[in-house]
């Protein structure tokens, strides 16, 4: 009886892991480049958000945005990228606030005022994260940027994970106030913006256009840079490279698919950003050039996702005798002629 129960639990675990990344999910981007690559990513990500609403974000955060069980003193608490406050999921939802630590809310990292509250972007958790309400209020709808001597909110043991100040980003200092997240989260926010500009590209039925205010500093009204301004390309690619994909993002991406049925491709394959806005824009993307963040050869917080050469972080991530193939629309990994699925499980 115990063995039978164990087998069922094990099977459930395997099914859950397999469902986290469907083997055919990204097959349409193989051997694509430039606009075709972007358009296929837009089609892939348009599978969500399904079954999501603004109200449902509160419930989703209880599993998608909490510290893991091995986090000493933090396990199960809300993982807030705007402060060091440890909120209990479901308790302390904003509401009113007068200081840091009072409550947490649902932060549109791409401010909703920039796109006129248009749905489904309004409730897409691909860019909406739980954050301290008071710090979120300080961020307001300012553009992301870098500032040398910004104002950081503190109160006793509580400290904001970000600051507001005058832009000091080289070559882009004409902008006044910007909000700068802490270094450990800059890549997270950069990849959220990349997801948003692909998922809601201009011309889609539910696409968003941002042309005025601080949003106009980061997004353009044309399709140049696939919707990003020169400023945001320079800033986001810097952040994307300096703060590589973390286990936190991988776990959240898996949770996001369970909740709203789509994923952020720049978390799964961070090297994709280089093919749209970086050093590989003149090249064709193929799977044999990339290592996914869900693969054994990917090192969280280190790898840039390049399988063929030393990446932007000067770390070689290639795996010897490893290739990728697509059979009947499904992506497989070949290691010494042994076939594995995308989750690293041997295929008979």
C-alpha atoms as a PDB file:
ATOM      1  CA  UNK A   1       0.000   0.000   0.000  1.00  0.00           C
ATOM      2  CA  UNK A   2       2.778   2.434   0.941  1.00  0.00           C
ATOM      3  CA  UNK A   3       4.696   1.564  -2.236  1.00  0.00           C
ATOM      4  CA  UNK A   4       1.540   2.168  -4.266  1.00  0.00           C
ATOM      5  CA  UNK A   5       1.042   5.610  -2.712  1.00  0.00           C
ATOM      6  CA  UNK A   6       4.689   6.466  -3.273  1.00  0.00           C
ATOM      7  CA  UNK A   7       4.417   5.474  -6.945  1.00  0.00           C
ATOM      8  CA  UNK A   8       1.384   7.711  -7.418  1.00  0.00           C
ATOM      9  CA  UNK A   9       3.139  10.637  -5.770  1.00  0.00           C
ATOM     10  CA  UNK A  10       6.234  10.070  -7.885  1.00  0.00           C
ATOM     11  CA  UNK A  11       4.121   9.936 -11.050  1.00  0.00           C
ATOM     12  CA  UNK A  12       2.353  13.163 -10.075  1.00  0.00           C
ATOM     13  CA  UNK A  13       5.722  14.829  -9.549  1.00  0.00           C
ATOM     14  CA  UNK A  14       6.971  13.713 -12.976  1.00  0.00           C
ATOM     15  CA  UNK A  15       3.774  14.928 -14.666  1.00  0.00           C
ATOM     16  CA  UNK A  16       4.055  18.261 -12.880  1.00  0.00           C
ATOM     17  CA  UNK A  17       7.657  18.709 -13.979  1.00  0.00           C
ATOM     18  CA  UNK A  18       6.864  17.762 -17.565  1.00  0.00           C
ATOM     19  CA  UNK A  19       3.908  20.135 -17.655  1.00  0.00           C
ATOM     20  CA  UNK A  20       6.091  22.999 -16.447  1.00  0.00           C
ATOM     21  CA  UNK A  21       7.646  23.274 -19.920  1.00  0.00           C
ATOM     22  CA  UNK A  22       5.797  21.593 -22.754  1.00  0.00           C
ATOM     23  CA  UNK A  23       8.313  19.920 -25.042  1.00  0.00           C
ATOM     24  CA  UNK A  24       6.875  21.586 -28.150  1.00  0.00           C
ATOM     25  CA  UNK A  25       6.337  25.002 -26.575  1.00  0.00           C
ATOM     26  CA  UNK A  26       9.231  26.761 -28.352  1.00  0.00           C
ATOM     27  CA  UNK A  27       9.559  24.646 -31.499  1.00  0.00           C
ATOM     28  CA  UNK A  28       8.403  27.488 -33.794  1.00  0.00           C
ATOM     29  CA  UNK A  29      11.399  29.709 -32.986  1.00  0.00           C
ATOM     30  CA  UNK A  30      13.998  27.232 -34.223  1.00  0.00           C
ATOM     31  CA  UNK A  31      15.848  28.556 -37.297  1.00  0.00           C
ATOM     32  CA  UNK A  32      14.288  32.027 -37.084  1.00  0.00           C
ATOM     33  CA  UNK A  33      15.764  35.506 -36.968  1.00  0.00           C
ATOM     34  CA  UNK A  34      14.786  39.101 -36.308  1.00  0.00           C
ATOM     35  CA  UNK A  35      11.127  39.960 -36.878  1.00  0.00           C
ATOM     36  CA  UNK A  36      10.136  36.337 -37.501  1.00  0.00           C
ATOM     37  CA  UNK A  37      11.734  35.300 -34.229  1.00  0.00           C
ATOM     38  CA  UNK A  38       9.954  38.115 -32.379  1.00  0.00           C
ATOM     39  CA  UNK A  39       6.605  37.405 -34.051  1.00  0.00           C
ATOM     40  CA  UNK A  40       6.798  33.692 -33.212  1.00  0.00           C
ATOM     41  CA  UNK A  41       7.627  34.522 -29.600  1.00  0.00           C
ATOM     42  CA  UNK A  42       4.603  36.828 -29.568  1.00  0.00           C
ATOM     43  CA  UNK A  43       2.408  33.993 -30.797  1.00  0.00           C
ATOM     44  CA  UNK A  44       3.804  31.596 -28.204  1.00  0.00           C
ATOM     45  CA  UNK A  45       3.321  33.968 -25.277  1.00  0.00           C
ATOM     46  CA  UNK A  46      -0.178  34.950 -26.432  1.00  0.00           C
ATOM     47  CA  UNK A  47      -1.383  31.619 -25.019  1.00  0.00           C
ATOM     48  CA  UNK A  48      -1.827  33.536 -21.763  1.00  0.00           C
ATOM     49  CA  UNK A  49      -2.913  34.990 -19.502  1.00  0.00           C
ATOM     50  CA  UNK A  50      -5.791  32.534 -19.385  1.00  0.00           C
ATOM     51  CA  UNK A  51      -8.128  32.275 -16.440  1.00  0.00           C
ATOM     52  CA  UNK A  52      -6.398  35.186 -14.728  1.00  0.00           C
ATOM     53  CA  UNK A  53      -7.868  38.372 -13.259  1.00  0.00           C
ATOM     54  CA  UNK A  54      -6.516  41.239 -11.193  1.00  0.00           C
ATOM     55  CA  UNK A  55      -8.184  39.823  -8.072  1.00  0.00           C
ATOM     56  CA  UNK A  56      -6.693  36.356  -8.648  1.00  0.00           C
ATOM     57  CA  UNK A  57      -3.155  37.745  -8.395  1.00  0.00           C
ATOM     58  CA  UNK A  58      -3.461  37.732  -4.594  1.00  0.00           C
ATOM     59  CA  UNK A  59      -4.042  33.980  -4.566  1.00  0.00           C
ATOM     60  CA  UNK A  60      -1.360  33.311  -7.175  1.00  0.00           C
ATOM     61  CA  UNK A  61       1.274  35.121  -5.127  1.00  0.00           C
ATOM     62  CA  UNK A  62       0.856  32.568  -2.341  1.00  0.00           C
ATOM     63  CA  UNK A  63       2.727  30.051  -4.484  1.00  0.00           C
ATOM     64  CA  UNK A  64       4.505  32.035  -7.220  1.00  0.00           C
ATOM     65  CA  UNK A  65       6.121  34.755  -5.101  1.00  0.00           C
ATOM     66  CA  UNK A  66       7.169  33.240  -1.788  1.00  0.00           C
ATOM     67  CA  UNK A  67      10.576  32.275  -0.456  1.00  0.00           C
ATOM     68  CA  UNK A  68      11.322  28.533  -0.815  1.00  0.00           C
ATOM     69  CA  UNK A  69      11.193  26.149   2.119  1.00  0.00           C
ATOM     70  CA  UNK A  70      14.990  26.135   2.532  1.00  0.00           C
ATOM     71  CA  UNK A  71      15.136  29.914   3.125  1.00  0.00           C
ATOM     72  CA  UNK A  72      16.107  30.300   6.778  1.00  0.00           C
ATOM     73  CA  UNK A  73      13.750  32.702   8.523  1.00  0.00           C
ATOM     74  CA  UNK A  74      11.949  33.533   5.268  1.00  0.00           C
ATOM     75  CA  UNK A  75      10.300  30.302   4.125  1.00  0.00           C
ATOM     76  CA  UNK A  76       6.781  30.871   2.844  1.00  0.00           C
ATOM     77  CA  UNK A  77       6.962  34.654   3.150  1.00  0.00           C
ATOM     78  CA  UNK A  78       6.206  36.978   0.241  1.00  0.00           C
ATOM     79  CA  UNK A  79       9.340  37.611  -1.847  1.00  0.00           C
ATOM     80  CA  UNK A  80       9.209  41.390  -2.252  1.00  0.00           C
ATOM     81  CA  UNK A  81      11.616  42.860  -4.820  1.00  0.00           C
ATOM     82  CA  UNK A  82      11.011  46.408  -3.552  1.00  0.00           C
ATOM     83  CA  UNK A  83      11.852  45.871   0.139  1.00  0.00           C
ATOM     84  CA  UNK A  84      13.228  43.498   2.767  1.00  0.00           C
ATOM     85  CA  UNK A  85       9.845  43.237   4.491  1.00  0.00           C
ATOM     86  CA  UNK A  86       8.631  39.674   5.058  1.00  0.00           C
ATOM     87  CA  UNK A  87       4.887  39.765   4.511  1.00  0.00           C
ATOM     88  CA  UNK A  88       2.719  36.733   5.264  1.00  0.00           C
ATOM     89  CA  UNK A  89       0.774  35.707   2.144  1.00  0.00           C
ATOM     90  CA  UNK A  90      -2.855  36.763   2.414  1.00  0.00           C
ATOM     91  CA  UNK A  91      -2.163  39.066   5.360  1.00  0.00           C
ATOM     92  CA  UNK A  92      -1.298  42.734   4.979  1.00  0.00           C
ATOM     93  CA  UNK A  93      -2.667  43.188   1.490  1.00  0.00           C
ATOM     94  CA  UNK A  94      -3.019  46.890   0.629  1.00  0.00           C
ATOM     95  CA  UNK A  95      -5.164  48.846   1.650  1.00  0.00           C
ATOM     96  CA  UNK A  96      -3.855  52.015   3.016  1.00  0.00           C
ATOM     97  CA  UNK A  97      -0.292  52.647   4.115  1.00  0.00           C
ATOM     98  CA  UNK A  98       1.750  55.401   5.742  1.00  0.00           C
ATOM     99  CA  UNK A  99       5.184  53.785   5.936  1.00  0.00           C
ATOM    100  CA  UNK A 100       7.285  50.921   4.622  1.00  0.00           C
ATOM    101  CA  UNK A 101       6.169  47.577   6.021  1.00  0.00           C
ATOM    102  CA  UNK A 102       2.472  48.476   6.310  1.00  0.00           C
ATOM    103  CA  UNK A 103       1.184  46.291   3.465  1.00  0.00           C
ATOM    104  CA  UNK A 104       2.018  44.774   0.089  1.00  0.00           C
ATOM    105  CA  UNK A 105       0.254  45.373  -3.194  1.00  0.00           C
ATOM    106  CA  UNK A 106       0.271  44.371  -6.866  1.00  0.00           C
ATOM    107  CA  UNK A 107       2.965  46.361  -8.657  1.00  0.00           C
ATOM    108  CA  UNK A 108       2.739  46.800 -12.412  1.00  0.00           C
ATOM    109  CA  UNK A 109       6.434  46.958 -13.247  1.00  0.00           C
ATOM    110  CA  UNK A 110       5.203  48.416 -16.543  1.00  0.00           C
ATOM    111  CA  UNK A 111       2.886  51.016 -14.948  1.00  0.00           C
ATOM    112  CA  UNK A 112      -0.730  50.505 -15.963  1.00  0.00           C
ATOM    113  CA  UNK A 113      -1.133  54.220 -16.647  1.00  0.00           C
ATOM    114  CA  UNK A 114       1.396  53.823 -19.476  1.00  0.00           C
ATOM    115  CA  UNK A 115      -0.946  51.520 -21.394  1.00  0.00           C
ATOM    116  CA  UNK A 116      -4.298  52.888 -20.230  1.00  0.00           C
ATOM    117  CA  UNK A 117      -5.236  49.927 -18.005  1.00  0.00           C
ATOM    118  CA  UNK A 118      -5.786  47.787 -21.106  1.00  0.00           C
ATOM    119  CA  UNK A 119      -6.508  44.116 -20.502  1.00  0.00           C
ATOM    120  CA  UNK A 120      -5.118  41.501 -20.375  1.00  0.00           C
ATOM    121  CA  UNK A 121      -1.858  43.387 -19.714  1.00  0.00           C
ATOM    122  CA  UNK A 122      -3.628  44.896 -16.700  1.00  0.00           C
ATOM    123  CA  UNK A 123      -3.640  41.531 -14.892  1.00  0.00           C
ATOM    124  CA  UNK A 124      -0.721  39.713 -16.563  1.00  0.00           C
ATOM    125  CA  UNK A 125       1.518  38.423 -13.789  1.00  0.00           C
ATOM    126  CA  UNK A 126       4.384  38.352 -16.256  1.00  0.00           C
ATOM    127  CA  UNK A 127       5.079  41.899 -15.073  1.00  0.00           C
ATOM    128  CA  UNK A 128       2.979  42.267 -11.899  1.00  0.00           C
ATOM    129  CA  UNK A 129       4.751  41.382  -8.663  1.00  0.00           C
ATOM    130  CA  UNK A 130       3.944  41.787  -4.956  1.00  0.00           C
ATOM    131  CA  UNK A 131       5.746  44.796  -3.488  1.00  0.00           C
ATOM    132  CA  UNK A 132       5.673  46.992  -0.414  1.00  0.00           C
ATOM    133  CA  UNK A 133       2.908  49.537  -0.955  1.00  0.00           C
ATOM    134  CA  UNK A 134       4.844  52.531   0.343  1.00  0.00           C
ATOM    135  CA  UNK A 135       7.892  51.849  -1.828  1.00  0.00           C
ATOM    136  CA  UNK A 136       5.629  51.152  -4.770  1.00  0.00           C
ATOM    137  CA  UNK A 137       4.083  54.559  -4.221  1.00  0.00           C
ATOM    138  CA  UNK A 138       7.552  56.120  -4.320  1.00  0.00           C
ATOM    139  CA  UNK A 139       8.314  54.376  -7.601  1.00  0.00           C
ATOM    140  CA  UNK A 140       4.982  55.707  -8.925  1.00  0.00           C
ATOM    141  CA  UNK A 141       5.045  55.583 -12.744  1.00  0.00           C
ATOM    142  CA  UNK A 142       8.635  56.735 -13.184  1.00  0.00           C
ATOM    143  CA  UNK A 143      10.780  54.917 -15.727  1.00  0.00           C
ATOM    144  CA  UNK A 144      13.384  52.438 -14.568  1.00  0.00           C
ATOM    145  CA  UNK A 145      16.938  53.749 -14.665  1.00  0.00           C
ATOM    146  CA  UNK A 146      20.103  54.316 -12.664  1.00  0.00           C
ATOM    147  CA  UNK A 147      20.806  57.096 -10.189  1.00  0.00           C
ATOM    148  CA  UNK A 148      23.940  57.681  -8.132  1.00  0.00           C
ATOM    149  CA  UNK A 149      22.455  59.410  -5.092  1.00  0.00           C
ATOM    150  CA  UNK A 150      18.805  58.468  -5.056  1.00  0.00           C
ATOM    151  CA  UNK A 151      16.439  58.459  -2.098  1.00  0.00           C
ATOM    152  CA  UNK A 152      16.007  55.057  -0.430  1.00  0.00           C
ATOM    153  CA  UNK A 153      13.141  54.625   2.040  1.00  0.00           C
ATOM    154  CA  UNK A 154      14.077  53.125   5.402  1.00  0.00           C
ATOM    155  CA  UNK A 155      12.230  52.672   8.690  1.00  0.00           C
ATOM    156  CA  UNK A 156      13.875  50.775  11.529  1.00  0.00           C
ATOM    157  CA  UNK A 157      14.707  47.277  10.297  1.00  0.00           C
ATOM    158  CA  UNK A 158      12.854  47.841   7.035  1.00  0.00           C
ATOM    159  CA  UNK A 159      14.678  48.988   3.933  1.00  0.00           C
ATOM    160  CA  UNK A 160      13.557  49.618   0.377  1.00  0.00           C
ATOM    161  CA  UNK A 161      15.161  47.492  -2.347  1.00  0.00           C
ATOM    162  CA  UNK A 162      15.381  50.412  -4.729  1.00  0.00           C
ATOM    163  CA  UNK A 163      15.810  54.169  -4.857  1.00  0.00           C
ATOM    164  CA  UNK A 164      14.434  57.210  -6.669  1.00  0.00           C
ATOM    165  CA  UNK A 165      16.724  59.891  -8.076  1.00  0.00           C
ATOM    166  CA  UNK A 166      18.206  61.805 -10.983  1.00  0.00           C
ATOM    167  CA  UNK A 167      19.206  59.634 -13.940  1.00  0.00           C
ATOM    168  CA  UNK A 168      22.938  59.069 -14.301  1.00  0.00           C
ATOM    169  CA  UNK A 169      22.836  56.436 -17.044  1.00  0.00           C
ATOM    170  CA  UNK A 170      25.672  57.247 -19.495  1.00  0.00           C
ATOM    171  CA  UNK A 171      24.371  59.096 -22.519  1.00  0.00           C
ATOM    172  CA  UNK A 172      20.836  59.277 -21.163  1.00  0.00           C
ATOM    173  CA  UNK A 173      21.083  61.828 -18.361  1.00  0.00           C
ATOM    174  CA  UNK A 174      18.498  64.190 -19.848  1.00  0.00           C
ATOM    175  CA  UNK A 175      15.731  62.266 -18.083  1.00  0.00           C
ATOM    176  CA  UNK A 176      14.970  63.528 -14.615  1.00  0.00           C
ATOM    177  CA  UNK A 177      13.664  61.121 -11.996  1.00  0.00           C
ATOM    178  CA  UNK A 178      14.052  57.382 -12.429  1.00  0.00           C
ATOM    179  CA  UNK A 179      13.567  54.405 -10.130  1.00  0.00           C
ATOM    180  CA  UNK A 180      16.538  52.076  -9.750  1.00  0.00           C
ATOM    181  CA  UNK A 181      15.898  48.579  -8.318  1.00  0.00           C
ATOM    182  CA  UNK A 182      18.597  46.825  -6.327  1.00  0.00           C
ATOM    183  CA  UNK A 183      21.221  45.037  -8.430  1.00  0.00           C
ATOM    184  CA  UNK A 184      19.930  41.576  -7.480  1.00  0.00           C
ATOM    185  CA  UNK A 185      16.599  42.274  -9.202  1.00  0.00           C
ATOM    186  CA  UNK A 186      17.626  44.343 -12.221  1.00  0.00           C
ATOM    187  CA  UNK A 187      17.757  41.344 -14.526  1.00  0.00           C
ATOM    188  CA  UNK A 188      14.351  40.180 -13.300  1.00  0.00           C
ATOM    189  CA  UNK A 189      12.744  43.479 -14.266  1.00  0.00           C
ATOM    190  CA  UNK A 190      14.631  43.666 -17.567  1.00  0.00           C
ATOM    191  CA  UNK A 191      13.273  40.262 -18.599  1.00  0.00           C
ATOM    192  CA  UNK A 192       9.758  41.276 -17.526  1.00  0.00           C
ATOM    193  CA  UNK A 193       9.978  44.256 -19.887  1.00  0.00           C
ATOM    194  CA  UNK A 194      11.269  42.047 -22.707  1.00  0.00           C
ATOM    195  CA  UNK A 195       8.369  39.674 -22.129  1.00  0.00           C
ATOM    196  CA  UNK A 196       5.857  42.530 -22.186  1.00  0.00           C
ATOM    197  CA  UNK A 197       7.098  44.146 -25.398  1.00  0.00           C
ATOM    198  CA  UNK A 198       6.999  40.744 -27.150  1.00  0.00           C
ATOM    199  CA  UNK A 199       3.698  39.515 -25.676  1.00  0.00           C
ATOM    200  CA  UNK A 200       1.916  42.814 -26.381  1.00  0.00           C
ATOM    201  CA  UNK A 201       3.671  43.835 -29.565  1.00  0.00           C
ATOM    202  CA  UNK A 202       2.163  46.569 -31.694  1.00  0.00           C
ATOM    203  CA  UNK A 203      -0.446  45.184 -34.070  1.00  0.00           C
ATOM    204  CA  UNK A 204      -1.727  42.405 -31.805  1.00  0.00           C
ATOM    205  CA  UNK A 205      -5.420  42.573 -30.931  1.00  0.00           C
ATOM    206  CA  UNK A 206      -4.484  43.067 -27.293  1.00  0.00           C
ATOM    207  CA  UNK A 207      -1.222  44.908 -28.007  1.00  0.00           C
ATOM    208  CA  UNK A 208      -0.280  48.027 -26.087  1.00  0.00           C
ATOM    209  CA  UNK A 209       1.111  51.311 -27.363  1.00  0.00           C
ATOM    210  CA  UNK A 210       3.050  53.598 -25.055  1.00  0.00           C
ATOM    211  CA  UNK A 211       4.113  56.952 -26.465  1.00  0.00           C
ATOM    212  CA  UNK A 212       3.848  59.614 -23.759  1.00  0.00           C
ATOM    213  CA  UNK A 213       5.113  60.374 -20.277  1.00  0.00           C
ATOM    214  CA  UNK A 214       7.835  58.306 -18.685  1.00  0.00           C
ATOM    215  CA  UNK A 215       6.594  55.268 -20.582  1.00  0.00           C
ATOM    216  CA  UNK A 216       7.699  56.970 -23.777  1.00  0.00           C
ATOM    217  CA  UNK A 217      11.265  56.889 -22.511  1.00  0.00           C
ATOM    218  CA  UNK A 218      11.229  53.102 -22.550  1.00  0.00           C
ATOM    219  CA  UNK A 219       8.794  52.163 -25.329  1.00  0.00           C
ATOM    220  CA  UNK A 220       8.342  53.648 -28.795  1.00  0.00           C
ATOM    221  CA  UNK A 221       5.281  53.930 -31.010  1.00  0.00           C
ATOM    222  CA  UNK A 222       6.970  52.287 -34.001  1.00  0.00           C
ATOM    223  CA  UNK A 223       8.417  48.817 -34.383  1.00  0.00           C
ATOM    224  CA  UNK A 224      12.004  50.047 -34.198  1.00  0.00           C
ATOM    225  CA  UNK A 225      14.000  47.939 -31.734  1.00  0.00           C
ATOM    226  CA  UNK A 226      10.847  45.783 -31.634  1.00  0.00           C
ATOM    227  CA  UNK A 227       9.117  48.465 -29.579  1.00  0.00           C
ATOM    228  CA  UNK A 228      11.931  49.527 -27.242  1.00  0.00           C
ATOM    229  CA  UNK A 229      13.676  52.896 -27.277  1.00  0.00           C
ATOM    230  CA  UNK A 230      17.440  53.137 -27.650  1.00  0.00           C
ATOM    231  CA  UNK A 231      17.529  54.081 -23.971  1.00  0.00           C
ATOM    232  CA  UNK A 232      15.707  50.979 -22.787  1.00  0.00           C
ATOM    233  CA  UNK A 233      17.680  48.661 -25.084  1.00  0.00           C
ATOM    234  CA  UNK A 234      20.923  49.940 -23.568  1.00  0.00           C
ATOM    235  CA  UNK A 235      19.584  49.815 -20.002  1.00  0.00           C
ATOM    236  CA  UNK A 236      17.706  46.509 -20.146  1.00  0.00           C
ATOM    237  CA  UNK A 237      20.476  44.640 -21.958  1.00  0.00           C
ATOM    238  CA  UNK A 238      22.974  45.893 -19.369  1.00  0.00           C
ATOM    239  CA  UNK A 239      20.743  44.657 -16.545  1.00  0.00           C
ATOM    240  CA  UNK A 240      19.952  41.396 -18.347  1.00  0.00           C
ATOM    241  CA  UNK A 241      23.655  40.623 -18.668  1.00  0.00           C
ATOM    242  CA  UNK A 242      24.799  41.763 -15.222  1.00  0.00           C
ATOM    243  CA  UNK A 243      22.035  39.900 -13.355  1.00  0.00           C
ATOM    244  CA  UNK A 244      21.506  36.511 -15.071  1.00  0.00           C
ATOM    245  CA  UNK A 245      18.474  34.303 -14.570  1.00  0.00           C
ATOM    246  CA  UNK A 246      18.070  33.016 -11.021  1.00  0.00           C
ATOM    247  CA  UNK A 247      16.301  29.981  -9.594  1.00  0.00           C
ATOM    248  CA  UNK A 248      13.724  32.410  -8.223  1.00  0.00           C
ATOM    249  CA  UNK A 249      12.780  33.410 -11.759  1.00  0.00           C
ATOM    250  CA  UNK A 250      12.694  29.830 -13.020  1.00  0.00           C
ATOM    251  CA  UNK A 251      10.402  28.802 -10.164  1.00  0.00           C
ATOM    252  CA  UNK A 252       8.161  31.831 -10.726  1.00  0.00           C
ATOM    253  CA  UNK A 253       8.016  31.121 -14.457  1.00  0.00           C
ATOM    254  CA  UNK A 254       6.849  27.571 -13.742  1.00  0.00           C
ATOM    255  CA  UNK A 255       4.250  28.936 -11.355  1.00  0.00           C
ATOM    256  CA  UNK A 256       3.112  31.497 -13.905  1.00  0.00           C
ATOM    257  CA  UNK A 257       2.400  28.799 -16.480  1.00  0.00           C
ATOM    258  CA  UNK A 258       0.287  26.887 -13.985  1.00  0.00           C
ATOM    259  CA  UNK A 259      -1.694  30.030 -13.185  1.00  0.00           C
ATOM    260  CA  UNK A 260      -2.121  31.701 -16.586  1.00  0.00           C
ATOM    261  CA  UNK A 261      -0.840  29.187 -19.173  1.00  0.00           C
ATOM    262  CA  UNK A 262       2.132  31.040 -20.648  1.00  0.00           C
ATOM    263  CA  UNK A 263       5.801  31.627 -19.881  1.00  0.00           C
ATOM    264  CA  UNK A 264       8.493  34.278 -20.172  1.00  0.00           C
ATOM    265  CA  UNK A 265      10.828  33.054 -22.942  1.00  0.00           C
ATOM    266  CA  UNK A 266      13.675  35.316 -21.796  1.00  0.00           C
ATOM    267  CA  UNK A 267      13.790  33.364 -18.539  1.00  0.00           C
ATOM    268  CA  UNK A 268      13.687  29.992 -20.289  1.00  0.00           C
ATOM    269  CA  UNK A 269      16.229  30.997 -22.964  1.00  0.00           C
ATOM    270  CA  UNK A 270      17.989  34.198 -21.801  1.00  0.00           C
ATOM    271  CA  UNK A 271      20.236  34.173 -24.885  1.00  0.00           C
ATOM    272  CA  UNK A 272      17.138  35.116 -26.935  1.00  0.00           C
ATOM    273  CA  UNK A 273      17.587  38.741 -25.878  1.00  0.00           C
ATOM    274  CA  UNK A 274      20.911  38.810 -27.696  1.00  0.00           C
ATOM    275  CA  UNK A 275      19.164  37.764 -30.931  1.00  0.00           C
ATOM    276  CA  UNK A 276      16.638  40.613 -30.694  1.00  0.00           C
ATOM    277  CA  UNK A 277      18.580  43.472 -29.091  1.00  0.00           C
ATOM    278  CA  UNK A 278      22.174  42.367 -28.525  1.00  0.00           C
ATOM    279  CA  UNK A 279      25.247  40.890 -30.130  1.00  0.00           C
ATOM    280  CA  UNK A 280      23.479  38.209 -32.216  1.00  0.00           C
ATOM    281  CA  UNK A 281      20.913  40.295 -34.097  1.00  0.00           C
ATOM    282  CA  UNK A 282      22.395  39.356 -37.478  1.00  0.00           C
ATOM    283  CA  UNK A 283      22.287  35.634 -36.690  1.00  0.00           C
ATOM    284  CA  UNK A 284      19.640  32.936 -36.894  1.00  0.00           C
ATOM    285  CA  UNK A 285      18.543  31.405 -33.607  1.00  0.00           C
ATOM    286  CA  UNK A 286      18.742  27.627 -33.383  1.00  0.00           C
ATOM    287  CA  UNK A 287      18.389  25.410 -30.344  1.00  0.00           C
ATOM    288  CA  UNK A 288      21.861  23.964 -30.743  1.00  0.00           C
ATOM    289  CA  UNK A 289      23.211  27.444 -29.905  1.00  0.00           C
ATOM    290  CA  UNK A 290      21.264  27.755 -26.668  1.00  0.00           C
ATOM    291  CA  UNK A 291      21.033  26.220 -23.229  1.00  0.00           C
ATOM    292  CA  UNK A 292      17.732  26.664 -21.428  1.00  0.00           C
ATOM    293  CA  UNK A 293      17.572  27.703 -17.784  1.00  0.00           C
ATOM    294  CA  UNK A 294      15.780  24.409 -17.099  1.00  0.00           C
ATOM    295  CA  UNK A 295      18.687  22.324 -18.439  1.00  0.00           C
ATOM    296  CA  UNK A 296      21.486  20.681 -16.485  1.00  0.00           C
ATOM    297  CA  UNK A 297      24.197  22.682 -18.238  1.00  0.00           C
ATOM    298  CA  UNK A 298      22.707  26.008 -17.181  1.00  0.00           C
ATOM    299  CA  UNK A 299      24.128  27.611 -14.043  1.00  0.00           C
ATOM    300  CA  UNK A 300      21.623  29.895 -12.325  1.00  0.00           C
ATOM    301  CA  UNK A 301      22.964  33.382 -11.773  1.00  0.00           C
ATOM    302  CA  UNK A 302      25.970  32.727 -14.035  1.00  0.00           C
ATOM    303  CA  UNK A 303      25.038  31.361 -17.482  1.00  0.00           C
ATOM    304  CA  UNK A 304      23.987  33.651 -20.298  1.00  0.00           C
ATOM    305  CA  UNK A 305      22.372  30.759 -22.150  1.00  0.00           C
ATOM    306  CA  UNK A 306      24.929  30.440 -24.948  1.00  0.00           C
ATOM    307  CA  UNK A 307      25.744  26.821 -25.771  1.00  0.00           C
ATOM    308  CA  UNK A 308      28.333  27.497 -28.457  1.00  0.00           C
ATOM    309  CA  UNK A 309      30.789  29.959 -26.996  1.00  0.00           C
ATOM    310  CA  UNK A 310      31.796  31.987 -23.970  1.00  0.00           C
ATOM    311  CA  UNK A 311      28.846  34.222 -23.175  1.00  0.00           C
ATOM    312  CA  UNK A 312      28.472  37.820 -22.087  1.00  0.00           C
ATOM    313  CA  UNK A 313      29.344  36.824 -18.538  1.00  0.00           C
ATOM    314  CA  UNK A 314      32.618  35.257 -19.685  1.00  0.00           C
ATOM    315  CA  UNK A 315      31.452  31.836 -18.593  1.00  0.00           C
ATOM    316  CA  UNK A 316      31.516  28.920 -20.999  1.00  0.00           C
ATOM    317  CA  UNK A 317      28.213  27.048 -20.731  1.00  0.00           C
ATOM    318  CA  UNK A 318      28.648  24.487 -23.505  1.00  0.00           C
ATOM    319  CA  UNK A 319      28.127  20.793 -22.857  1.00  0.00           C
ATOM    320  CA  UNK A 320      30.369  18.374 -24.797  1.00  0.00           C
ATOM    321  CA  UNK A 321      28.711  15.858 -27.112  1.00  0.00           C
ATOM    322  CA  UNK A 322      25.322  17.509 -26.576  1.00  0.00           C
ATOM    323  CA  UNK A 323      22.950  18.503 -29.366  1.00  0.00           C
ATOM    324  CA  UNK A 324      19.260  19.355 -29.629  1.00  0.00           C
ATOM    325  CA  UNK A 325      16.795  17.987 -32.121  1.00  0.00           C
ATOM    326  CA  UNK A 326      13.118  18.475 -32.879  1.00  0.00           C
ATOM    327  CA  UNK A 327      11.111  15.354 -33.689  1.00  0.00           C
ATOM    328  CA  UNK A 328       7.438  15.733 -34.570  1.00  0.00           C
ATOM    329  CA  UNK A 329       7.429  19.219 -33.084  1.00  0.00           C
ATOM    330  CA  UNK A 330       8.986  18.134 -29.796  1.00  0.00           C
ATOM    331  CA  UNK A 331      12.352  19.346 -28.547  1.00  0.00           C
ATOM    332  CA  UNK A 332      14.804  16.707 -27.312  1.00  0.00           C
ATOM    333  CA  UNK A 333      18.391  16.789 -26.023  1.00  0.00           C
ATOM    334  CA  UNK A 334      20.907  14.257 -27.270  1.00  0.00           C
ATOM    335  CA  UNK A 335      23.794  13.445 -24.925  1.00  0.00           C
ATOM    336  CA  UNK A 336      26.174  10.866 -26.388  1.00  0.00           C
ATOM    337  CA  UNK A 337      23.294   9.681 -28.595  1.00  0.00           C
ATOM    338  CA  UNK A 338      20.998   9.156 -25.608  1.00  0.00           C
ATOM    339  CA  UNK A 339      17.745  11.103 -25.968  1.00  0.00           C
ATOM    340  CA  UNK A 340      16.363  13.200 -23.087  1.00  0.00           C
ATOM    341  CA  UNK A 341      13.314  15.425 -22.885  1.00  0.00           C
ATOM    342  CA  UNK A 342      13.547  19.104 -21.907  1.00  0.00           C
ATOM    343  CA  UNK A 343      13.374  18.262 -18.213  1.00  0.00           C
ATOM    344  CA  UNK A 344      16.414  15.997 -18.441  1.00  0.00           C
ATOM    345  CA  UNK A 345      14.508  12.707 -18.288  1.00  0.00           C
ATOM    346  CA  UNK A 346      15.688   9.852 -20.503  1.00  0.00           C
ATOM    347  CA  UNK A 347      13.329   9.004 -23.335  1.00  0.00           C
ATOM    348  CA  UNK A 348      13.081   5.328 -24.291  1.00  0.00           C
END
